[in-house]
Amino acid sequence: MPLRRRRVRLAALLALGLALGVGLGWAAWTVGRGGEPGEVRATLSIAQALGADATAGFAHAESPRAFAFPRDHGPHREYRIEWWYFTGNLVASAGRRVGVQLTFFRNALVPTAPVRASAWATGEVWMAHFALADVARGRFHAVERLSRGALGLAGARATPFRVWVEDWSAEGAGPGDLSLRLRAREGALAVDLALTSERPPVLHGDRGLSRKGDARGNASYYYSLTRMATRGTVEVGGERLEVTGLAWMDREWSTSTLGGDLAGWDWFALHLSDGRDVMVYRLRRHDGSAAALSLGTLVAADGTSRGLTRDEVEVTALGRWQSARTGRNYPARWRLRIPGEGLDLEVVPHLPDQELDLTVRYWEGAVAARGVSRGVPVSGHGYVELVGYGDRP
């Protein structure tokens, strides 16, 4: 790795620890999965990172707001944390399946960017994750980048829309705000995908305000583009694949999200064969039970949506998987029921090992679903995210 890039990444990593309000004294410095040899990183607790420390001077998500697009695709620098999350289940010739994740995280160090003559000066640091699940070959690849929001290395803008960390990017692909292009390359891994939303943005929670704790500001603004027709190319295992499929974009910004009684969350995003989309997140207490503010959204085939409360959704883990690399133990198969809709699904990972062992450790993977909806067979594909398993308190 060139010395300049190593210094930029190390400086960004140290700044990231400060931005997230996490002490690095106990952090385990290791080589990231799929990372370059000799590259250092720290494993951070996501629950602590999204807690209520170091929030003075930032705006807080406290009440519903008016959303506007494409403005809200862009950055919200008055808030401390935000992310742009893309996941997709794609298929190449002969049914070869590939799962794709590309995520951009913005973390503010201070409420107001410093005014200094140096071009290196910045008030924010950026992290991006790029993962591919090559289902047919049974291989999972995950890499990350850390950079400062200076020198054009990383950033975001609303018009024309673009978010990037070095040469990984998501940007508007046309005059509308619902067409995007994703591009990322790291060694032999690459994606170049065109995404077109088939539905308008879906607001979660209370008109887009997603509460995750009782304290002031323990909430985020949260919307999704739940069904995006996707086509393009994926490079993996020395092959270049022409792919099509469906992708999902999740978008959140906040200052402090998780209440102190929460260890993490389980998140499900599914595209069903009957044209519906399902999002469920289960906020997990330290004892493993679901917090009252857990919620979901059911999107009908015509694009209309309705919210789901904790008591309307049942999620039961049917199996476990333990990482030989980190020792962490995760749920590995689930039964997801929405009794009021007559929906009963079994959700199964395409690969058991889809753990991202990077600056933060979590399991995020492509899954298949099958079951019934009011007695009629239904199937689907999607993504599941498991956060906070094995994190230090």
Foldseek 3Di string as FASTA:
>chain_A
DDPVQLVQQVVLQVLLCLLLVHDQPPWDWDAFFQHDPPRTFTATAVQSSQADPPQPQADFQFDADDDDPPQQLWDDLSAFKKKKWKWWWKAFPPGFIKIKIKMKMKGFNDNDFDDDPDQQGGRIKMKMKIKMQRLVVQDIGIDMGIGGPGPPQFHFDRVQGWGDHHPFIKTAPDPDRQWIWTWDDDVQWIWTKIWGQPADKAAADPNQWQAADDDGRQTKRKIKSQWIWMWGWIGDPNDITTITGTMMIIIITGHHHHDPQFQWKKWWWKQKPQQKIKIWIFTAGPVGHGDFSTWIKIADNVGDIDIGTPVQKDKDQPAWDADPVPRFIDRAKIWIDRVVQQDTKIKGFSHRDQWGRGSYIWHKGKIKIWDDGVNHTMIIITMMIGHRTPDDD
